[in-house]
Protein backbone atom coordinates (compact mmCIF):
# COMPACT_ATOMS: atom_id res chain seq x y z
CA MET A 1 146.53 130.30 136.78
CA GLY A 2 146.31 133.27 135.82
CA ARG A 3 146.39 136.58 138.15
CA ALA A 4 142.65 137.52 139.43
CA LYS A 5 140.81 140.63 139.15
CA ALA A 6 139.02 140.77 142.10
CA PHE A 7 139.36 144.57 142.44
CA ASP A 8 137.01 147.65 140.52
CA ASN A 9 139.17 150.56 140.04
CA GLU A 10 137.74 152.92 138.35
CA LYS A 11 134.07 152.57 140.67
CA TYR A 12 136.22 152.54 143.12
CA LEU A 13 137.56 156.39 141.90
CA ARG A 14 133.76 157.33 141.45
CA GLU A 15 132.62 156.26 144.88
CA GLN A 16 135.37 157.51 146.39
CA ALA A 17 135.72 160.65 145.47
CA ALA A 18 132.17 161.32 145.80
CA PHE A 19 132.33 159.92 149.26
CA ILE A 20 134.92 163.02 149.83
CA ARG A 21 133.45 165.78 147.92
CA GLU A 22 130.44 165.15 150.44
CA ARG A 23 132.16 165.10 153.36
CA MET A 24 133.92 168.67 152.26
CA LYS A 25 130.41 169.53 152.07
CA ARG A 26 129.29 169.03 155.12
CA PHE A 27 131.77 171.59 156.72
CA ASP A 28 132.40 173.79 153.59
CA SER A 29 135.10 175.86 154.86
CA ARG A 30 138.34 173.31 155.16
CA LEU A 31 138.39 170.16 155.01
CA TYR A 32 141.99 168.17 156.73
CA LEU A 33 142.23 164.73 155.69
CA GLU A 34 144.75 162.26 157.30
CA PHE A 35 145.85 160.36 154.17
CA GLY A 36 147.35 156.70 156.30
CA GLY A 37 149.04 153.86 153.93
CA LYS A 38 151.18 154.39 151.18
CA LEU A 39 149.93 157.28 148.65
CA LEU A 40 152.69 156.07 145.32
CA ASN A 41 153.26 152.39 145.40
CA ASP A 42 150.70 150.50 147.15
CA PHE A 43 151.48 147.35 147.03
CA HIS A 44 150.22 145.84 149.99
CA ALA A 45 147.09 146.89 148.54
CA SER A 46 147.44 145.60 145.35
CA ARG A 47 148.68 142.34 146.89
CA VAL A 48 145.31 141.85 149.20
CA LEU A 49 143.33 143.25 146.47
CA PRO A 50 144.32 141.70 143.27
CA GLY A 51 143.68 144.55 140.53
CA TYR A 52 144.06 147.12 142.39
CA ASP A 53 145.97 150.01 141.38
CA PRO A 54 149.10 150.71 143.35
CA ASN A 55 148.56 154.26 142.73
CA VAL A 56 144.82 154.94 142.73
CA LYS A 57 145.30 157.17 145.03
CA ILE A 58 147.50 159.08 143.25
CA ARG A 59 144.31 159.03 140.54
CA LEU A 60 142.23 160.03 143.48
CA LEU A 61 144.28 163.40 144.23
CA LYS A 62 144.04 163.83 140.87
CA GLU A 63 140.35 164.37 140.24
CA LEU A 64 140.43 166.15 143.35
CA GLU A 65 143.56 168.25 142.76
CA HIS A 66 141.18 171.71 141.89
CA ASP A 67 140.56 171.39 145.78
CA ALA A 68 143.08 169.82 146.65
CA GLU A 69 146.53 170.86 147.84
CA LEU A 70 149.65 168.07 149.69
CA VAL A 71 150.80 168.49 153.55
CA LEU A 72 153.65 166.06 154.14
CA CYS A 73 154.53 165.37 157.40
CA ILE A 74 157.61 163.43 158.99
CA HIS A 75 158.51 162.21 162.85
CA ALA A 76 161.88 163.68 163.45
CA GLY A 77 162.95 160.75 165.17
CA ALA A 78 162.22 158.73 162.23
CA ILE A 79 165.48 160.91 160.55
CA GLU A 80 167.34 161.46 163.50
CA HIS A 81 167.34 157.57 163.89
CA ARG A 82 167.60 156.66 160.61
CA LYS A 83 164.57 155.11 160.12
CA ILE A 84 164.40 152.48 156.91
CA ARG A 85 161.61 151.47 155.16
CA ALA A 86 161.27 147.67 154.17
CA ASP A 87 159.99 148.03 151.54
CA TYR A 88 162.54 150.40 149.48
CA GLY A 89 165.44 150.52 151.69
CA ILE A 90 165.92 153.62 152.11
CA THR A 91 165.94 155.77 155.35
CA TYR A 92 162.38 157.83 155.91
CA ASP A 93 164.03 161.51 155.28
CA ALA A 94 165.13 159.68 151.82
CA ASP A 95 161.29 158.60 151.18
CA ALA A 96 160.25 161.79 152.33
CA MET A 97 162.21 163.65 149.19
CA LYS A 98 161.46 160.89 146.72
CA LEU A 99 157.96 161.69 148.09
CA ILE A 100 157.79 165.01 146.81
CA ASP A 101 159.80 163.85 143.44
CA ASP A 102 157.19 160.79 142.61
CA LEU A 103 154.37 163.77 143.16
CA GLY A 104 156.53 166.15 141.05
CA GLU A 105 156.30 163.33 138.21
CA TRP A 106 152.17 163.05 138.77
CA GLY A 107 152.04 167.36 138.51
CA LEU A 108 151.26 167.42 141.87
CA SER A 109 152.62 169.27 144.37
CA VAL A 110 153.35 169.98 148.07
CA SER A 111 153.01 172.42 149.62
CA ALA A 112 154.64 172.25 152.35
CA VAL A 113 156.61 169.38 155.25
CA VAL A 114 156.04 169.53 158.35
CA ILE A 115 158.50 167.78 160.28
CA THR A 116 156.73 166.54 163.60
CA ARG A 117 157.90 166.04 167.73
CA TRP A 118 160.54 168.54 166.69
CA GLU A 119 162.99 168.60 169.60
CA GLU A 120 166.08 170.56 168.04
CA GLN A 121 167.94 167.19 167.00
CA ALA A 122 170.76 167.79 164.64
CA GLN A 123 170.02 165.40 161.40
CA ALA A 124 166.62 166.24 161.85
CA ARG A 125 167.70 170.48 161.63
CA ALA A 126 170.30 169.04 158.46
CA PHE A 127 166.88 167.77 156.66
CA LYS A 128 165.18 170.48 157.61
CA THR A 129 168.05 172.73 155.68
CA LYS A 130 168.03 170.57 153.43
CA LEU A 131 164.94 171.78 152.09
CA GLU A 132 164.79 174.98 152.82
CA ASN A 133 167.44 175.78 150.75
CA ARG A 134 165.64 173.69 147.70
CA GLY A 135 163.44 176.20 148.00
CA ILE A 136 160.71 173.92 149.89
CA ARG A 137 158.25 175.52 153.14
CA VAL A 138 159.13 173.43 156.01
CA TYR A 139 157.73 173.81 159.60
CA ALA A 140 158.70 172.53 163.06
CA HIS A 141 155.68 171.39 165.20
CA ARG A 142 157.34 170.89 168.95
CA PRO A 143 155.47 167.64 170.76
CA THR A 144 151.74 168.89 171.44
CA LYS A 145 151.85 170.09 175.29
CA GLY A 146 149.43 168.32 177.73
CA TYR A 147 148.72 165.50 175.89
CA PRO A 148 146.79 163.27 175.37
CA THR A 149 145.02 164.28 178.86
CA ASP A 150 144.68 167.82 179.94
CA PHE A 151 142.77 169.45 176.80
CA ASP A 152 142.75 173.04 178.70
CA ALA A 153 146.52 173.02 177.67
CA ILE A 154 145.81 171.05 174.39
CA VAL A 155 143.28 173.21 172.52
CA SER A 156 144.87 176.67 174.20
CA ALA A 157 147.79 178.91 172.18
CA GLU A 158 150.52 177.23 174.52
CA GLY A 159 148.94 173.34 172.61
CA TYR A 160 148.38 173.25 169.43
CA GLY A 161 148.11 177.06 169.32
CA ALA A 162 152.23 176.74 169.95
CA ASN A 163 152.84 175.56 166.13
CA PRO A 164 153.56 177.56 163.98
CA ARG A 165 149.87 177.87 161.07
CA ILE A 166 150.47 176.08 157.94
CA GLU A 167 149.71 178.66 155.08
CA THR A 168 147.36 176.67 152.90
CA SER A 169 144.78 178.14 150.59
CA LYS A 170 142.39 174.97 149.44
CA PRO A 171 139.24 173.25 151.22
CA LEU A 172 140.52 169.99 150.87
CA VAL A 173 144.24 169.31 152.70
CA VAL A 174 145.56 166.39 152.57
CA VAL A 175 147.82 165.64 155.00
CA THR A 176 150.12 162.59 154.64
CA GLY A 177 153.46 161.11 155.55
CA PRO A 178 155.96 158.17 155.35
CA GLY A 179 155.18 155.25 157.06
CA PRO A 180 152.98 155.57 160.94
CA GLY A 181 153.14 157.58 163.28
CA SER A 182 154.73 160.17 161.42
CA GLY A 183 152.42 162.65 162.86
CA LYS A 184 149.78 163.45 160.96
CA MET A 185 146.79 163.58 163.21
CA ALA A 186 148.33 166.37 165.00
CA THR A 187 149.24 168.42 162.40
CA CYS A 188 145.53 168.09 161.44
CA LEU A 189 144.35 168.98 164.19
CA SER A 190 146.58 171.92 165.23
CA GLN A 191 145.50 173.13 162.21
CA VAL A 192 141.86 173.10 162.74
CA TRP A 193 142.80 174.27 165.89
CA HIS A 194 143.92 177.82 163.84
CA ASP A 195 141.69 177.98 161.44
CA HIS A 196 138.79 178.43 164.28
CA ALA A 197 140.66 180.85 165.52
CA LEU A 198 140.45 182.81 162.35
CA GLY A 199 137.18 182.36 162.13
CA THR A 200 137.65 179.57 159.95
CA ARG A 201 135.07 176.55 160.07
CA ALA A 202 137.75 173.37 159.52
CA MET A 203 137.56 169.84 160.71
CA TYR A 204 139.49 166.87 160.66
CA ALA A 205 138.50 163.64 158.50
CA LYS A 206 140.51 160.06 158.50
CA PHE A 207 141.27 157.94 154.80
CA GLU A 208 142.56 154.83 155.32
CA THR A 209 142.54 151.71 153.27
CA PHE A 210 143.03 148.84 156.17
CA PRO A 211 141.06 147.68 157.82
CA ILE A 212 138.28 147.34 155.62
CA TRP A 213 134.93 148.89 157.85
CA SER A 214 132.80 147.10 155.39
CA LEU A 215 134.75 143.54 155.19
CA PRO A 216 133.90 141.02 158.29
CA GLN A 217 136.89 141.45 161.33
CA LYS A 218 138.10 138.13 160.22
CA HIS A 219 137.79 138.36 156.67
CA PRO A 220 141.53 137.32 155.30
CA VAL A 221 142.05 140.94 153.84
CA ASN A 222 141.64 142.27 157.34
CA ILE A 223 143.67 139.91 158.51
CA ALA A 224 146.46 140.83 156.49
CA TYR A 225 146.41 144.35 157.96
CA GLU A 226 147.28 142.77 161.18
CA ALA A 227 150.11 140.45 159.67
CA ALA A 228 151.27 143.45 157.91
CA THR A 229 151.24 145.57 160.91
CA LEU A 230 153.14 143.11 163.03
CA ASP A 231 155.56 145.57 164.88
CA LEU A 232 153.45 147.86 165.72
CA LYS A 233 150.97 145.74 167.30
CA ASP A 234 147.58 146.56 165.94
CA PHE A 235 144.76 144.29 165.63
CA ASN A 236 140.88 144.80 164.20
CA LEU A 237 138.00 144.79 166.64
CA ILE A 238 134.45 145.94 166.33
CA ASP A 239 133.63 149.43 166.54
CA PRO A 240 131.63 149.61 169.69
CA PHE A 241 130.85 153.52 169.27
CA HIS A 242 129.64 152.55 166.03
CA LEU A 243 127.70 149.42 167.24
CA GLU A 244 126.05 152.10 170.22
CA ALA A 245 125.09 155.02 167.80
CA THR A 246 124.28 153.31 165.05
CA GLY A 247 123.55 149.33 165.72
CA GLU A 248 125.52 148.47 163.03
CA VAL A 249 129.20 146.40 162.40
CA ALA A 250 132.06 148.34 161.53
CA VAL A 251 135.54 147.50 161.55
CA ASN A 252 138.13 149.25 162.90
CA TYR A 253 141.21 148.62 164.70
CA ASN A 254 142.59 149.10 168.25
CA ARG A 255 144.64 152.56 167.94
CA ASP A 256 142.11 154.25 166.28
CA VAL A 257 139.32 152.90 168.86
CA GLU A 258 141.60 153.81 171.83
CA SER A 259 142.16 156.88 171.16
CA PHE A 260 138.64 157.98 169.29
CA PRO A 261 136.90 159.35 173.27
CA ILE A 262 140.02 161.83 172.82
CA LEU A 263 139.88 162.89 169.27
CA LYS A 264 136.54 163.84 170.09
CA ALA A 265 137.12 165.56 172.88
CA ILE A 266 139.24 167.84 171.01
CA LEU A 267 137.73 168.28 168.12
CA GLU A 268 134.44 169.07 170.60
CA ARG A 269 136.31 172.12 172.24
CA ILE A 270 138.09 173.57 169.37
CA THR A 271 135.05 173.57 166.96
CA GLY A 272 132.53 173.74 169.96
CA GLU A 273 130.39 171.67 167.55
CA ALA A 274 129.22 168.25 170.06
CA GLY A 275 128.64 165.05 167.79
CA ALA A 276 130.22 165.91 164.42
CA TYR A 277 131.43 162.10 164.86
CA ARG A 278 130.15 159.48 166.52
CA SER A 279 132.30 156.67 166.04
CA PRO A 280 135.67 156.12 164.41
CA THR A 281 134.07 154.69 161.24
CA GLU A 282 132.13 157.75 160.83
CA MET A 283 135.19 160.09 161.28
CA GLY A 284 136.63 157.52 157.84
CA VAL A 285 135.74 157.91 154.30
CA ASN A 286 137.17 154.71 153.16
CA ARG A 287 135.03 153.59 150.26
CA ALA A 288 137.51 150.32 149.09
CA GLY A 289 135.60 147.37 150.55
CA PHE A 290 132.66 148.46 147.97
CA ALA A 291 134.87 148.31 144.36
CA ILE A 292 135.74 144.21 145.53
CA VAL A 293 134.03 142.34 143.06
CA ASP A 294 135.50 138.96 143.60
CA ASP A 295 135.74 138.55 147.13
CA GLU A 296 137.18 135.22 147.10
CA ALA A 297 139.96 136.11 144.84
CA CYS A 298 140.71 138.71 147.43
CA ARG A 299 140.42 136.04 150.37
CA GLU A 300 143.28 133.48 148.27
CA ALA A 301 145.72 136.21 148.16
CA ALA A 302 144.99 137.83 151.52
CA ARG A 303 146.08 134.37 152.81
CA GLN A 304 149.40 134.22 150.38
CA GLU A 305 149.74 137.96 152.13
CA VAL A 306 150.13 136.79 155.68
CA VAL A 307 152.57 133.82 154.67
CA ARG A 308 154.23 136.47 153.41
CA ARG A 309 154.63 138.32 156.57
CA TYR A 310 154.69 135.55 158.34
CA LEU A 311 157.89 134.32 156.10
CA ARG A 312 159.44 137.72 156.37
CA CYS A 313 158.96 137.94 160.45
CA ALA A 314 161.20 134.59 160.16
CA CYS A 315 163.91 135.92 158.52
CA GLU A 316 163.71 139.08 160.47
CA PHE A 317 163.65 137.45 163.64
CA MET A 318 166.75 135.46 162.91
CA MET A 319 168.77 138.64 162.20
CA GLY A 320 168.39 140.24 165.25
CA MET A 321 165.65 142.78 163.75
CA ALA A 322 161.76 141.19 165.57
CA GLU A 323 161.16 140.21 168.89
CA ARG A 324 160.25 136.76 169.35
CA ASP A 325 156.93 138.01 170.42
CA THR A 326 155.82 139.05 167.18
CA LEU A 327 157.09 136.04 165.52
CA ASN A 328 154.62 134.50 167.99
CA ARG A 329 152.11 136.94 166.74
CA ALA A 330 152.35 136.66 162.98
CA ASP A 331 152.51 132.35 163.64
CA ARG A 332 148.93 133.01 165.45
CA LEU A 333 147.29 134.89 162.16
CA LEU A 334 148.49 131.53 160.15
CA LYS A 335 147.02 128.93 162.49
CA GLU A 336 143.35 131.30 162.95
CA LEU A 337 143.15 131.03 158.97
CA GLY A 338 144.45 128.09 158.91
CA ILE A 339 147.74 127.98 156.51
CA SER A 340 151.12 127.29 157.02
CA PRO A 341 154.29 128.25 154.39
CA GLU A 342 153.65 126.01 152.61
CA SER A 343 150.64 126.89 151.15
CA ARG A 344 152.30 129.92 149.70
CA PRO A 345 152.99 127.23 145.97
CA VAL A 346 156.49 128.83 145.18
CA VAL A 347 158.02 127.45 148.98
CA PRO A 348 157.57 123.83 148.64
CA ALA A 349 159.10 124.46 144.51
CA ALA A 350 161.68 126.49 145.90
CA ARG A 351 162.78 123.71 148.42
CA GLN A 352 162.46 121.00 146.54
CA ALA A 353 164.99 122.53 144.25
CA ALA A 354 168.06 123.43 147.24
CA ILE A 355 166.90 118.98 147.72
CA SER A 356 167.47 118.36 143.85
CA ALA A 357 170.62 120.39 144.11
CA GLU A 358 172.36 118.37 146.86
CA ALA A 359 171.49 115.27 145.96
CA GLU A 360 173.23 116.15 142.25
CA ALA A 361 176.05 117.95 143.80
CA ASP A 362 178.41 114.45 143.37
CA ALA A 363 177.36 114.53 139.32
CA GLU A 364 177.20 118.20 138.76
CA LYS A 365 180.38 119.27 136.41
CA ALA A 366 183.47 120.84 137.41
CA ASP A 367 182.55 123.79 135.64
CA GLY A 368 178.73 124.63 136.94
CA GLY A 369 178.58 126.50 134.13
CA ALA A 370 174.36 125.37 133.58
CA GLU A 371 171.80 127.70 134.58
CA GLY A 372 171.21 126.70 138.02
CA GLY A 373 173.44 124.25 138.34
CA ALA A 374 174.60 122.67 142.15
CA GLU A 375 177.65 123.97 143.20
CA SER A 376 179.41 121.05 144.87
CA LYS A 377 181.41 122.80 147.60
CA ALA A 378 178.44 125.12 148.47
CA ALA A 379 178.69 125.51 151.93
CA VAL A 380 174.34 125.51 151.73
CA TYR A 381 172.29 124.47 148.93
CA CYS A 382 170.24 126.89 147.79
CA GLY A 383 166.58 126.48 145.84
CA ALA A 384 164.56 129.37 144.77
CA ALA A 385 161.06 129.04 142.81
CA LEU A 386 159.80 131.39 140.59
CA GLU A 387 155.68 131.72 139.95
CA LEU A 388 155.22 133.16 136.97
CA PRO A 389 152.22 135.34 135.50
CA ASP A 390 150.36 132.02 133.92
CA GLY A 391 150.39 130.55 137.27
CA SER A 392 153.74 128.26 136.14
CA ILE A 393 156.78 127.59 138.80
CA ILE A 394 160.43 128.19 137.36
CA THR A 395 162.93 126.86 139.94
CA GLY A 396 166.53 127.39 140.10
CA LYS A 397 170.06 126.08 141.81
CA ASN A 398 172.70 128.30 142.92
CA SER A 399 175.94 127.11 141.56
CA ARG A 400 179.69 128.32 141.05
CA LEU A 401 178.96 130.87 139.43
CA LEU A 402 175.12 131.97 139.52
CA HIS A 403 173.06 132.47 142.14
CA ALA A 404 169.99 130.61 142.83
CA ALA A 405 167.48 133.65 142.39
CA THR A 406 169.79 134.71 139.22
CA ALA A 407 169.38 131.00 137.51
CA ALA A 408 165.37 131.68 138.73
CA VAL A 409 165.37 135.06 137.01
CA ILE A 410 167.34 133.95 133.89
CA ASN A 411 165.01 130.58 133.39
CA GLY A 412 161.90 132.61 134.02
CA ALA A 413 163.08 134.85 131.51
CA LYS A 414 163.94 132.06 129.03
CA ALA A 415 160.19 130.52 129.77
CA LEU A 416 158.68 133.47 128.60
CA ALA A 417 160.67 134.50 125.15
CA GLY A 418 160.09 130.28 124.38
CA ILE A 419 163.45 130.15 124.50
CA PRO A 420 164.22 126.48 125.14
CA GLY A 421 166.23 125.19 128.57
CA GLY A 422 169.40 124.44 127.65
CA ILE A 423 170.11 127.16 126.06
CA HIS A 424 172.33 129.42 128.06
CA LEU A 425 171.37 133.18 127.83
CA LEU A 426 175.01 133.77 129.46
CA SER A 427 177.88 132.22 127.93
CA PRO A 428 180.03 130.38 130.61
CA ILE A 429 183.22 132.48 129.70
CA VAL A 430 181.30 135.50 130.18
CA ILE A 431 179.86 134.41 133.69
CA GLU A 432 183.68 133.31 134.18
CA SER A 433 185.21 136.55 133.07
CA ILE A 434 183.19 138.37 135.56
CA ALA A 435 183.99 135.76 138.28
CA HIS A 436 187.06 136.45 137.79
CA LEU A 437 187.17 140.77 138.19
CA LYS A 438 184.94 139.74 141.06
CA HIS A 439 187.36 137.04 142.99
CA ASP A 440 190.82 137.91 141.73
CA VAL A 441 190.44 141.48 140.89
CA LEU A 442 188.47 143.15 143.35
CA LYS A 443 188.95 140.07 145.79
CA GLY A 444 185.52 139.65 146.62
CA ARG A 445 184.62 136.07 148.40
CA SER A 446 182.42 134.85 146.09
CA ALA A 447 182.31 135.07 142.19
CA SER A 448 178.85 133.84 141.09
CA LEU A 449 176.34 136.75 140.07
CA ASP A 450 173.51 137.93 142.16
CA VAL A 451 170.24 139.19 139.92
CA ASP A 452 171.57 142.65 140.24
CA GLU A 453 175.58 142.05 138.10
CA ALA A 454 173.03 139.21 135.89
CA LEU A 455 171.08 141.82 134.76
CA ILE A 456 174.02 144.18 133.86
CA ALA A 457 175.24 140.93 132.56
CA LEU A 458 172.38 140.72 130.12
CA ALA A 459 171.95 144.02 129.21
CA ILE A 460 175.44 143.53 127.18
CA SER A 461 175.25 140.05 126.13
CA ALA A 462 172.34 141.83 124.51
CA ALA A 463 174.22 143.65 121.68
CA LEU A 464 175.06 140.54 120.29
CA ASN A 465 172.48 138.13 121.02
CA PRO A 466 168.50 138.72 119.79
CA ALA A 467 167.72 135.76 121.90
CA VAL A 468 169.19 137.36 124.87
CA GLN A 469 167.71 140.82 124.02
CA ALA A 470 164.34 138.72 123.61
CA CYS A 471 164.27 137.40 127.92
CA LEU A 472 165.19 141.43 128.25
CA ASP A 473 162.30 142.23 126.59
CA ARG A 474 160.20 139.77 128.72
CA ILE A 475 161.40 141.33 132.15
CA PRO A 476 158.62 143.88 133.13
CA ALA A 477 156.44 140.31 133.21
CA LEU A 478 157.93 139.48 135.98
CA ARG A 479 157.11 142.50 138.05
CA GLY A 480 154.19 141.33 140.47
CA CYS A 481 155.40 137.93 140.04
CA GLN A 482 155.81 135.65 143.51
CA MET A 483 159.35 134.15 144.32
CA HIS A 484 160.61 131.99 147.19
CA LEU A 485 164.06 131.19 148.11
CA THR A 486 165.28 128.99 150.61
CA HIS A 487 167.81 130.75 152.30
CA ILE A 488 168.09 135.17 153.25
CA PRO A 489 169.46 137.10 149.98
CA THR A 490 172.21 138.90 149.57
CA PRO A 491 171.76 142.47 149.33
CA GLY A 492 172.35 141.99 145.40
CA ASP A 493 169.62 139.72 145.30
CA GLU A 494 167.08 141.62 147.47
CA ALA A 495 168.00 145.29 145.40
CA GLY A 496 167.76 143.50 142.39
CA LEU A 497 164.60 141.50 143.20
CA ARG A 498 163.30 145.11 144.82
CA ARG A 499 163.56 146.64 141.45
CA LEU A 500 161.88 143.62 139.37
CA GLY A 501 159.33 144.14 141.11
CA ILE A 502 158.92 140.40 142.53
CA ASN A 503 157.52 139.70 145.29
CA LEU A 504 160.17 137.60 147.51
CA THR A 505 160.05 135.45 150.68
CA SER A 506 162.35 133.13 152.21
CA ASP A 507 163.50 130.66 154.21
CA PRO A 508 164.97 131.82 157.98
CA VAL A 509 168.03 130.64 156.68
CA PHE A 510 171.56 132.13 156.41
CA ALA A 511 173.40 131.11 152.62
CA SER A 512 176.60 130.95 153.94
CA LYS A 513 178.36 129.93 157.20
CA ARG A 514 180.13 133.66 156.87
CA LEU A 515 178.48 136.07 159.10
CA PHE A 516 179.43 138.93 157.04
CA VAL A 517 178.11 139.15 153.87
CA GLU A 518 179.49 141.16 151.12
């Protein structure tokens, strides 16, 4: 089956922009909007809400740009410890710079960057200098004195007032950052304090797509949020403050509910206005749930996302990057939805390809030239499965000359271009030449081509072969497709598949018995 469209972006834009403007009218001087989640390329949302534009939030800001400006926060500790974003494979400070560049391509500029919980960390100082040398305003905010219990200290010149005030000029200030824990809320509250000290009536609100407050607590889309935040130990619950105040059931998550009494007290202390918000749900401005047009499609997509997150967590545990307790939580979410890794269609297909590779090993020709053929001397027989946009599944196997992921991508491109499977896009002579370079000249241990290398080889071959060019032209159609490998991908496979926009999972199995993988 093809990809379902379950989310109406245009309806969402209309409702979300109108709701934010309505909130701005309530606080007619300035609204600081904490913008959670990914501002650009929100692929989690596009996976669990089929049809969701990963950049719809940028489109929303374009709708509001006459009234809005952007402030970017980043935690000094994330810079110092070189924290990595798993989706891009880059550090948080690099992601912050990438975000500034990407926003610029959309015609949006960042007014300032705030380094939060600043304590003169060496890497954070270097980052600050680098940005300032490029003409970007940078503010350093130290940890808030007295937070979270000493309200007299927090709401004082020694608390929020100790931070330098960020110069802003528009009625809506969107405060965002790379990942959770970037200090967005503290930056907003510090600004509200400064504005009120200057006689400006400012207020705070929160934009967070997940969990979707208007969906049931155990809706798969909301459970998928728990799966996406396993490392943070987030869990969804009924907002008790909203239920008490309105009698209506709304879903929120533990950190927002736990922090609400403190946040409410701080805001009331700063503004002198009691009852501006009765619950964390009222504090939010999310309208995503009202743009869902196919609930069942979202439920199925979210179930698939939970499987995907479980498999990723299992691989991270195998590599020592996740705790056993985290993996156990991921397993509990699977059981709660009554699903398993095999519920992801590409998983059994990839495993069957690996079994087939092993069964064919003795009969495989010595040259192993067929795309996707098995390597008789492989330490591990690897399989890959790729689900194409029409729902058909293409497989690949590792060989002496191609990785399993490489074979699946090439076979998928051939299927999309209508080229018979028996036709080789890459001549065995070309592959042998590259293998010779890798193994004999560059002294690499593996001669087979990973995805990154194969794409370059295809691009070169396309100049002389129209069939190869036809396949290259179909490569963009793989964006958003699902793939599974029976082994943890090599760096070259992972980087190539990420650039192709393929949603990859893998079994928690190493492709080699060697400890060091090139």
